[in-house]
């Protein structure tokens, strides 16, 4: 987290505190440690209730459907299914973290981060560039995409620390990898 900077940590932590007030006195590192140490990432003997695939920003949810066709429990989450699945909202953030606690140790989290504001096609509107991947923060879609990216970074840190697999879906032309928060999280 220190690689990203105090400003990113403060903004991201505010979003976690908004979604999960019980963590109001915790730093981002403490939040991650507490989620893991307090056995919130299930190490249950009741593995039949655990998910092998959790697909956030699932779109059609085809990955989850594929897991289910093979008899493996899966969950697909997307704001088009319910506002409570919108990672940009506090309720969606909380719900996603709660669902993550039920990920099987051999399971995978797939995050299909909406690419529309990160790809070259929209750069005239988003004002994103390799020099300024944060883009035009006054644009609501850009601000929301940055917020989702920050929350995805927290999930990536949680998955890394709990030794679980995650996959981020983005096209090659995406500037998501250029953002400091994402790049630093990938190297953590």
Protein backbone atom coordinates (compact mmCIF):
# COMPACT_ATOMS: atom_id res chain seq x y z
CA UNK A 1 0.00 0.00 0.00
CA UNK A 2 2.91 2.34 0.71
CA UNK A 3 3.87 2.09 -2.98
CA UNK A 4 0.60 3.72 -4.02
CA UNK A 5 0.74 6.61 -1.60
CA UNK A 6 -1.10 8.04 1.34
CA UNK A 7 -3.67 9.89 -0.78
CA UNK A 8 -4.81 6.68 -2.50
CA UNK A 9 -4.89 4.82 0.80
CA UNK A 10 -6.92 7.61 2.47
CA UNK A 11 -9.48 7.74 -0.38
CA UNK A 12 -9.79 3.97 -0.58
CA UNK A 13 -10.03 3.58 3.17
CA UNK A 14 -12.83 6.17 3.27
CA UNK A 15 -14.75 4.01 0.79
CA UNK A 16 -14.19 0.89 2.94
CA UNK A 17 -15.29 2.77 6.08
CA UNK A 18 -18.41 3.99 4.29
CA UNK A 19 -19.27 0.45 3.23
CA UNK A 20 -18.22 -1.24 6.47
CA UNK A 21 -18.45 1.19 9.43
CA UNK A 22 -17.26 -1.50 11.86
CA UNK A 23 -13.78 -0.93 10.40
CA UNK A 24 -13.84 2.84 10.99
CA UNK A 25 -10.80 2.76 13.28
CA UNK A 26 -8.68 0.51 11.03
CA UNK A 27 -6.00 1.36 8.48
CA UNK A 28 -6.15 -0.34 5.07
CA UNK A 29 -3.43 -2.80 6.09
CA UNK A 30 -5.27 -3.57 9.34
CA UNK A 31 -8.51 -4.12 7.41
CA UNK A 32 -6.82 -6.67 5.13
CA UNK A 33 -5.13 -8.43 8.06
CA UNK A 34 -8.34 -8.52 10.12
CA UNK A 35 -10.35 -9.95 7.22
CA UNK A 36 -7.82 -12.78 6.91
CA UNK A 37 -6.83 -13.40 10.56
CA UNK A 38 -10.33 -13.30 11.97
CA UNK A 39 -11.08 -16.27 9.75
CA UNK A 40 -13.46 -14.25 7.66
CA UNK A 41 -11.99 -15.85 4.58
CA UNK A 42 -13.63 -19.16 5.24
CA UNK A 43 -11.42 -22.09 6.11
CA UNK A 44 -14.57 -24.06 6.77
CA UNK A 45 -14.97 -27.79 6.77
CA UNK A 46 -18.35 -27.10 5.14
CA UNK A 47 -16.82 -26.67 1.70
CA UNK A 48 -20.03 -27.58 -0.14
CA UNK A 49 -21.35 -24.10 0.73
CA UNK A 50 -18.32 -22.32 -0.74
CA UNK A 51 -18.05 -20.75 -4.19
CA UNK A 52 -15.52 -21.90 -6.77
CA UNK A 53 -16.13 -18.85 -8.92
CA UNK A 54 -17.21 -15.36 -7.93
CA UNK A 55 -17.70 -13.18 -10.98
CA UNK A 56 -17.98 -9.44 -10.24
CA UNK A 57 -19.09 -7.08 -13.02
CA UNK A 58 -20.26 -10.29 -14.64
CA UNK A 59 -22.20 -8.97 -17.60
CA UNK A 60 -23.92 -12.08 -18.93
CA UNK A 61 -22.23 -14.23 -16.28
CA UNK A 62 -21.04 -16.83 -18.75
CA UNK A 63 -18.02 -17.82 -16.65
CA UNK A 64 -20.24 -18.50 -13.62
CA UNK A 65 -22.68 -20.42 -15.80
CA UNK A 66 -19.78 -22.56 -17.07
CA UNK A 67 -18.68 -23.41 -13.52
CA UNK A 68 -22.28 -24.25 -12.59
CA UNK A 69 -22.65 -26.55 -15.64
CA UNK A 70 -19.78 -28.57 -14.18
CA UNK A 71 -21.43 -28.80 -10.78
CA UNK A 72 -19.31 -26.12 -9.08
CA UNK A 73 -21.02 -23.42 -7.03
CA UNK A 74 -20.59 -19.98 -8.49
CA UNK A 75 -21.97 -16.50 -8.06
CA UNK A 76 -22.33 -13.74 -10.60
CA UNK A 77 -22.67 -10.16 -9.47
CA UNK A 78 -23.43 -7.16 -11.64
CA UNK A 79 -25.18 -3.85 -11.14
CA UNK A 80 -27.57 -4.77 -13.95
CA UNK A 81 -28.89 -7.61 -11.75
CA UNK A 82 -29.28 -5.47 -8.63
CA UNK A 83 -28.10 -2.13 -7.22
CA UNK A 84 -26.79 -4.14 -4.25
CA UNK A 85 -24.20 -5.68 -6.62
CA UNK A 86 -22.84 -2.31 -7.83
CA UNK A 87 -19.20 -2.15 -6.69
CA UNK A 88 -19.31 1.65 -6.99
CA UNK A 89 -21.87 1.80 -4.14
CA UNK A 90 -21.13 1.25 -0.43
CA UNK A 91 -23.74 -1.52 -0.23
CA UNK A 92 -22.28 -3.24 -3.30
CA UNK A 93 -18.77 -3.04 -1.82
CA UNK A 94 -19.92 -4.54 1.47
CA UNK A 95 -21.90 -7.29 -0.25
CA UNK A 96 -18.94 -8.21 -2.47
CA UNK A 97 -16.57 -8.48 0.51
CA UNK A 98 -19.09 -10.64 2.36
CA UNK A 99 -19.42 -12.95 -0.67
CA UNK A 100 -15.62 -13.11 -0.99
CA UNK A 101 -15.50 -14.64 2.48
CA UNK A 102 -17.18 -17.70 0.98
CA UNK A 103 -14.64 -18.27 -1.78
CA UNK A 104 -13.29 -21.81 -1.84
CA UNK A 105 -9.49 -21.94 -1.24
CA UNK A 106 -9.12 -23.26 -4.79
CA UNK A 107 -11.70 -20.81 -6.18
CA UNK A 108 -11.25 -17.82 -8.46
CA UNK A 109 -12.51 -14.23 -8.40
CA UNK A 110 -13.07 -12.81 -11.86
CA UNK A 111 -13.52 -9.04 -12.10
CA UNK A 112 -14.65 -7.77 -15.48
CA UNK A 113 -13.94 -4.11 -14.78
CA UNK A 114 -15.95 -2.03 -17.22
CA UNK A 115 -13.45 -1.07 -19.89
CA UNK A 116 -15.37 1.71 -21.64
CA UNK A 117 -13.58 4.55 -19.86
CA UNK A 118 -10.16 2.86 -19.93
CA UNK A 119 -9.78 2.10 -23.67
CA UNK A 120 -8.49 4.32 -26.50
CA UNK A 121 -11.91 4.70 -28.17
CA UNK A 122 -13.17 6.98 -25.40
CA UNK A 123 -10.03 8.97 -24.65
CA UNK A 124 -11.40 12.19 -26.16
CA UNK A 125 -14.18 12.16 -23.53
CA UNK A 126 -12.32 10.59 -20.62
CA UNK A 127 -9.06 12.50 -21.18
CA UNK A 128 -7.14 9.42 -20.01
CA UNK A 129 -3.58 9.02 -21.24
CA UNK A 130 -0.50 7.08 -20.20
CA UNK A 131 0.71 10.33 -18.58
CA UNK A 132 -2.62 10.88 -16.79
CA UNK A 133 -4.48 7.55 -16.50
CA UNK A 134 -6.82 9.09 -13.88
CA UNK A 135 -8.39 11.13 -16.68
CA UNK A 136 -11.06 13.79 -16.37
CA UNK A 137 -12.20 13.28 -12.77
CA UNK A 138 -15.04 15.78 -13.30
CA UNK A 139 -16.63 13.28 -15.69
CA UNK A 140 -18.98 11.09 -13.60
CA UNK A 141 -18.23 7.91 -15.55
CA UNK A 142 -14.46 8.44 -15.15
CA UNK A 143 -14.80 9.14 -11.41
CA UNK A 144 -16.92 6.00 -10.97
CA UNK A 145 -14.45 3.87 -12.96
CA UNK A 146 -11.58 5.19 -10.81
CA UNK A 147 -13.56 4.31 -7.69
CA UNK A 148 -14.25 0.78 -8.95
CA UNK A 149 -10.56 0.41 -9.81
CA UNK A 150 -9.61 1.41 -6.25
CA UNK A 151 -12.01 -1.15 -4.77
CA UNK A 152 -10.76 -3.81 -7.19
CA UNK A 153 -7.24 -3.07 -5.94
CA UNK A 154 -8.36 -3.75 -2.36
CA UNK A 155 -9.88 -7.06 -3.51
CA UNK A 156 -6.63 -7.90 -5.31
CA UNK A 157 -4.68 -7.24 -2.09
CA UNK A 158 -7.13 -9.39 -0.10
CA UNK A 159 -6.84 -12.22 -2.62
CA UNK A 160 -3.03 -11.98 -2.69
CA UNK A 161 -2.71 -12.00 1.09
CA UNK A 162 -5.13 -14.93 1.44
CA UNK A 163 -3.31 -16.79 -1.37
CA UNK A 164 -6.38 -16.92 -3.60
CA UNK A 165 -6.62 -16.54 -7.36
CA UNK A 166 -8.07 -13.48 -9.07
CA UNK A 167 -8.35 -12.46 -12.71
CA UNK A 168 -8.89 -8.95 -14.05
CA UNK A 169 -10.56 -8.79 -17.45
CA UNK A 170 -9.37 -5.86 -19.58
CA UNK A 171 -8.57 -5.42 -23.29
CA UNK A 172 -4.97 -4.82 -24.39
CA UNK A 173 -5.67 -1.17 -25.20
CA UNK A 174 -6.80 -0.45 -21.63
CA UNK A 175 -5.00 2.20 -19.58
CA UNK A 176 -5.99 0.47 -16.33
CA UNK A 177 -2.48 -1.01 -16.04
CA UNK A 178 -1.03 2.51 -16.33
CA UNK A 179 -2.79 3.79 -13.22
CA UNK A 180 -0.45 4.04 -10.24
CA UNK A 181 -2.88 2.29 -7.87
CA UNK A 182 -3.34 -0.71 -10.18
CA UNK A 183 0.34 -1.01 -11.14
CA UNK A 184 1.46 -0.84 -7.49
CA UNK A 185 -1.16 -3.41 -6.44
CA UNK A 186 -0.02 -5.79 -9.17
CA UNK A 187 3.53 -5.69 -7.81
CA UNK A 188 2.54 -5.99 -4.12
